[in-house]
Amino acid sequence: MQKDQQTYQLQDIEFRIVYSRRRTLGISILPDSTVIIRAPLRTSLKTIGRIVEEKASWIIKHRDKYRLKPNTRLNGSIAQGEDLLFRGKKCEIRIIKSRKPFARFNDNIIELGLEKSEDSEAIRKLLYKGLKKEASGIFPEMMAALLKMHEDKKFQPTGLIIRSMRSRWGSCSRKGIITLSTELIKLSDIYIEYVILHELCHLKEHNHGSEFYRLLSEVFPDWKKVRKDLRGFIH
């Protein structure tokens, strides 16, 4: 495994490593086909290299499959066999007739069970409910981890709201309440972390002036590239 600045190369897989206070190693494929390895602090390059080799076929498959296209839409058709992004992975929708409604998010499958299995509006509402439930479990954990990681900045949000937002990924109120769009759960973790840190920085700087971007650069050095990729999505 050869090191080239912040980029690593193993066989024909080029990837970047992002260390954080997480417990497990995760692999994300960004829409521009960039491979991100998210690893716990102090994970050795040898360990990361071994896992990359073990997951090589999966990485190559998804790296070549996910290409950033102009105006990538997150809200496509919600129908049997259609694909939907969930945490950056393309998942197949499977609709099942069931007396008890449920939404299950597995590896590459999203199962939606409901009695009115041909009612498109009921399906849409069930999916949104399921996505919001997933986001409500994941976003607070991610924000808590980021607050811990950057505790020297003394970010002190007063609350977290997760809801549908028509044209924004997140916001920060003057009272310190962070609001995140439910749609973020469809994207890779790196985008969610970017939006959370962006809004946390607004706790200190309530504008987009030079001091805001100085602070954002300290907590998320790669923000320009991630923001550019994020703008390719329409929700």
Protein backbone atom coordinates (compact mmCIF):
# COMPACT_ATOMS: atom_id res chain seq x y z
CA MET A 1 0.00 0.00 0.00
CA GLN A 2 1.60 3.24 -1.15
CA LYS A 3 1.01 6.62 0.39
CA ASP A 4 0.48 9.68 -1.83
CA GLN A 5 -0.11 12.77 0.35
CA GLN A 6 -3.56 12.05 1.85
CA THR A 7 -4.51 9.45 -0.74
CA TYR A 8 -3.71 5.74 -0.49
CA GLN A 9 -3.48 3.21 -3.27
CA LEU A 10 -4.05 -0.54 -2.93
CA GLN A 11 -4.12 -2.52 -6.16
CA ASP A 12 -6.43 -0.44 -8.38
CA ILE A 13 -8.36 1.08 -5.47
CA GLU A 14 -7.55 4.65 -4.50
CA PHE A 15 -9.00 5.78 -1.19
CA ARG A 16 -8.79 8.35 1.57
CA ILE A 17 -8.79 7.60 5.30
CA VAL A 18 -10.79 9.68 7.78
CA TYR A 19 -10.07 8.92 11.43
CA SER A 20 -12.71 9.70 14.06
CA ARG A 21 -14.00 8.60 17.46
CA ARG A 22 -16.01 5.70 16.11
CA ARG A 23 -15.88 2.06 17.16
CA THR A 24 -15.99 0.30 13.82
CA LEU A 25 -14.45 0.78 10.40
CA GLY A 26 -16.78 1.88 7.61
CA ILE A 27 -16.44 2.27 3.86
CA SER A 28 -18.25 5.01 1.93
CA ILE A 29 -18.41 5.50 -1.83
CA LEU A 30 -19.12 9.12 -2.75
CA PRO A 31 -21.13 10.07 -5.85
CA ASP A 32 -17.92 11.13 -7.64
CA SER A 33 -16.58 7.56 -7.05
CA THR A 34 -14.20 8.66 -4.27
CA VAL A 35 -13.62 5.87 -1.75
CA ILE A 36 -13.57 6.97 1.91
CA ILE A 37 -12.40 4.65 4.68
CA ARG A 38 -13.73 5.89 8.04
CA ALA A 39 -11.69 4.33 10.83
CA PRO A 40 -11.41 4.53 14.63
CA LEU A 41 -8.48 6.54 15.95
CA ARG A 42 -5.15 4.66 16.00
CA THR A 43 -6.29 2.01 13.51
CA SER A 44 -3.13 0.84 11.73
CA LEU A 45 -2.63 1.14 7.98
CA LYS A 46 -1.99 -2.61 7.95
CA THR A 47 -5.46 -3.30 9.39
CA ILE A 48 -7.12 -0.87 6.99
CA GLY A 49 -5.26 -2.39 4.05
CA ARG A 50 -6.39 -5.89 5.00
CA ILE A 51 -10.04 -4.82 5.17
CA VAL A 52 -9.78 -2.98 1.85
CA GLU A 53 -8.42 -6.16 0.28
CA GLU A 54 -11.24 -8.23 1.79
CA LYS A 55 -13.87 -5.78 0.49
CA ALA A 56 -12.12 -5.08 -2.82
CA SER A 57 -14.81 -6.60 -5.07
CA TRP A 58 -17.59 -4.71 -3.23
CA ILE A 59 -15.64 -1.43 -3.36
CA ILE A 60 -14.89 -1.75 -7.08
CA LYS A 61 -18.49 -2.67 -7.88
CA HIS A 62 -19.95 0.34 -6.09
CA ARG A 63 -17.15 2.72 -7.01
CA ASP A 64 -17.82 2.09 -10.68
CA LYS A 65 -21.58 2.18 -10.17
CA TYR A 66 -21.90 5.45 -8.27
CA ARG A 67 -21.06 8.34 -10.53
CA LEU A 68 -22.10 11.88 -9.76
CA LYS A 69 -24.54 13.06 -12.40
CA PRO A 70 -25.89 16.61 -12.77
CA ASN A 71 -29.07 17.16 -10.74
CA THR A 72 -28.96 13.81 -8.99
CA ARG A 73 -32.47 13.39 -7.57
CA LEU A 74 -33.02 11.69 -4.25
CA ASN A 75 -36.79 11.49 -4.68
CA GLY A 76 -37.28 9.05 -7.50
CA SER A 77 -40.12 6.64 -8.12
CA ILE A 78 -41.14 4.70 -5.00
CA ALA A 79 -42.25 1.44 -6.58
CA GLN A 80 -41.48 -2.25 -6.53
CA GLY A 81 -37.95 -2.91 -7.77
CA GLU A 82 -36.94 0.76 -7.97
CA ASP A 83 -33.68 1.97 -6.41
CA LEU A 84 -33.39 4.47 -3.58
CA LEU A 85 -30.31 5.86 -1.86
CA PHE A 86 -29.95 5.08 1.83
CA ARG A 87 -26.79 6.17 3.66
CA GLY A 88 -25.04 6.51 0.33
CA LYS A 89 -25.89 3.04 -0.96
CA LYS A 90 -28.32 2.24 -3.73
CA CYS A 91 -31.02 -0.02 -2.28
CA GLU A 92 -33.81 -1.90 -4.01
CA ILE A 93 -37.35 -1.18 -2.83
CA ARG A 94 -39.48 -4.23 -2.07
CA ILE A 95 -43.13 -3.70 -1.24
CA ILE A 96 -44.84 -6.45 0.74
CA LYS A 97 -48.51 -6.82 1.61
CA SER A 98 -48.79 -6.83 5.40
CA ARG A 99 -51.52 -6.16 7.95
CA LYS A 100 -48.96 -4.53 10.21
CA PRO A 101 -47.02 -1.70 8.54
CA PHE A 102 -43.23 -1.77 8.73
CA ALA A 103 -40.13 -0.32 7.06
CA ARG A 104 -36.92 -2.36 7.20
CA PHE A 105 -33.57 -1.09 5.99
CA ASN A 106 -31.22 -3.98 5.26
CA ASP A 107 -27.90 -4.06 3.41
CA ASN A 108 -29.11 -3.35 -0.12
CA ILE A 109 -32.85 -3.82 0.38
CA ILE A 110 -35.58 -1.54 1.72
CA GLU A 111 -38.67 -3.54 2.66
CA LEU A 112 -41.96 -1.70 3.01
CA GLY A 113 -44.85 -3.70 4.41
CA LEU A 114 -48.38 -2.33 4.38
CA GLU A 115 -51.94 -3.48 3.74
CA LYS A 116 -52.56 -1.03 0.89
CA SER A 117 -49.54 -2.23 -1.06
CA GLU A 118 -50.73 -0.54 -4.26
CA ASP A 119 -51.47 2.85 -2.67
CA SER A 120 -48.60 5.10 -3.80
CA GLU A 121 -49.37 7.81 -1.24
CA ALA A 122 -49.49 5.29 1.62
CA ILE A 123 -46.17 3.86 0.43
CA ARG A 124 -44.60 7.32 0.29
CA LYS A 125 -45.75 8.14 3.83
CA LEU A 126 -44.52 4.81 5.18
CA LEU A 127 -41.13 5.30 3.57
CA TYR A 128 -40.79 8.81 4.99
CA LYS A 129 -41.78 7.55 8.45
CA GLY A 130 -39.15 4.82 8.20
CA LEU A 131 -36.46 7.22 7.00
CA LYS A 132 -37.25 9.66 9.80
CA LYS A 133 -37.06 6.88 12.38
CA GLU A 134 -33.63 5.84 11.08
CA ALA A 135 -32.46 9.46 11.02
CA SER A 136 -33.77 10.03 14.55
CA GLY A 137 -31.56 7.19 15.78
CA ILE A 138 -28.45 8.02 13.77
CA PHE A 139 -28.23 11.84 13.64
CA PRO A 140 -28.15 12.42 17.43
CA GLU A 141 -25.37 9.84 17.79
CA MET A 142 -23.36 11.45 15.01
CA MET A 143 -23.80 14.93 16.49
CA ALA A 144 -22.81 13.69 19.95
CA ALA A 145 -19.66 12.11 18.50
CA LEU A 146 -18.75 15.30 16.63
CA LEU A 147 -19.35 17.43 19.74
CA LYS A 148 -17.03 15.11 21.67
CA MET A 149 -14.42 15.21 18.92
CA HIS A 150 -14.45 19.02 18.84
CA GLU A 151 -15.13 19.70 22.51
CA ASP A 152 -12.35 22.31 22.48
CA LYS A 153 -14.64 24.49 20.32
CA LYS A 154 -17.29 24.47 23.07
CA PHE A 155 -20.23 24.06 20.69
CA GLN A 156 -23.40 24.07 22.80
CA PRO A 157 -26.53 23.37 20.73
CA THR A 158 -29.76 23.65 22.71
CA GLY A 159 -31.65 21.03 20.72
CA LEU A 160 -31.87 18.89 17.59
CA ILE A 161 -34.89 18.69 15.27
CA ILE A 162 -35.18 16.25 12.37
CA ARG A 163 -37.86 17.03 9.82
CA SER A 164 -38.63 17.46 6.14
CA MET A 165 -37.02 20.55 4.64
CA ARG A 166 -37.90 21.64 1.13
CA SER A 167 -34.74 23.43 0.04
CA ARG A 168 -32.17 23.15 2.85
CA TRP A 169 -30.10 20.39 4.38
CA GLY A 170 -29.92 22.02 7.77
CA SER A 171 -30.31 25.22 9.78
CA CYS A 172 -29.31 26.75 13.10
CA SER A 173 -31.64 29.08 14.98
CA ARG A 174 -30.58 32.05 17.08
CA LYS A 175 -31.62 30.00 20.11
CA GLY A 176 -29.09 27.32 19.22
CA ILE A 177 -31.48 24.69 17.87
CA ILE A 178 -30.03 22.59 15.02
CA THR A 179 -32.50 21.34 12.43
CA LEU A 180 -31.50 18.61 9.95
CA SER A 181 -33.35 17.45 6.87
CA THR A 182 -34.65 13.88 7.01
CA GLU A 183 -33.37 13.50 3.43
CA LEU A 184 -29.78 13.53 4.68
CA ILE A 185 -30.21 9.92 5.81
CA LYS A 186 -30.12 8.94 2.14
CA LEU A 187 -26.56 10.22 1.79
CA SER A 188 -23.17 8.93 2.89
CA ASP A 189 -22.08 9.77 6.44
CA ILE A 190 -19.51 12.30 5.26
CA TYR A 191 -22.28 14.58 3.98
CA ILE A 192 -24.27 14.26 7.21
CA GLU A 193 -21.18 15.11 9.24
CA TYR A 194 -20.47 18.10 7.01
CA VAL A 195 -23.99 19.51 7.46
CA ILE A 196 -23.90 18.95 11.23
CA LEU A 197 -20.53 20.67 11.59
CA HIS A 198 -21.65 23.47 9.28
CA GLU A 199 -24.62 24.18 11.53
CA LEU A 200 -22.57 23.82 14.71
CA CYS A 201 -20.22 26.49 13.40
CA HIS A 202 -23.23 28.79 13.09
CA LEU A 203 -23.55 28.58 16.87
CA LYS A 204 -20.38 30.70 16.96
CA GLU A 205 -20.81 32.66 13.73
CA HIS A 206 -24.37 33.37 12.55
CA ASN A 207 -23.30 34.30 9.02
CA HIS A 208 -21.08 33.06 6.21
CA GLY A 209 -18.26 35.51 6.78
CA SER A 210 -14.53 34.83 6.88
CA GLU A 211 -14.58 33.84 10.57
CA PHE A 212 -17.27 31.24 9.88
CA TYR A 213 -15.22 29.61 7.11
CA ARG A 214 -12.06 29.78 9.20
CA LEU A 215 -13.84 27.82 11.94
CA LEU A 216 -15.40 25.39 9.45
CA SER A 217 -11.96 24.75 7.92
CA GLU A 218 -10.62 23.84 11.35
CA VAL A 219 -13.30 21.24 12.08
CA PHE A 220 -13.88 20.02 8.50
CA PRO A 221 -10.85 20.77 6.27
CA ASP A 222 -12.36 19.09 3.19
CA TRP A 223 -15.58 21.16 3.27
CA LYS A 224 -15.20 22.74 -0.18
CA LYS A 225 -15.14 19.44 -2.05
CA VAL A 226 -17.89 17.87 0.04
CA ARG A 227 -20.10 20.95 -0.35
CA LYS A 228 -19.58 20.84 -4.12
CA ASP A 229 -20.62 17.18 -4.26
CA LEU A 230 -23.59 17.83 -1.99
CA ARG A 231 -24.87 20.52 -4.34
CA GLY A 232 -25.24 17.85 -7.02
CA PHE A 233 -28.19 16.36 -5.15
CA ILE A 234 -31.76 17.65 -5.44
CA HIS A 235 -34.26 16.76 -2.74
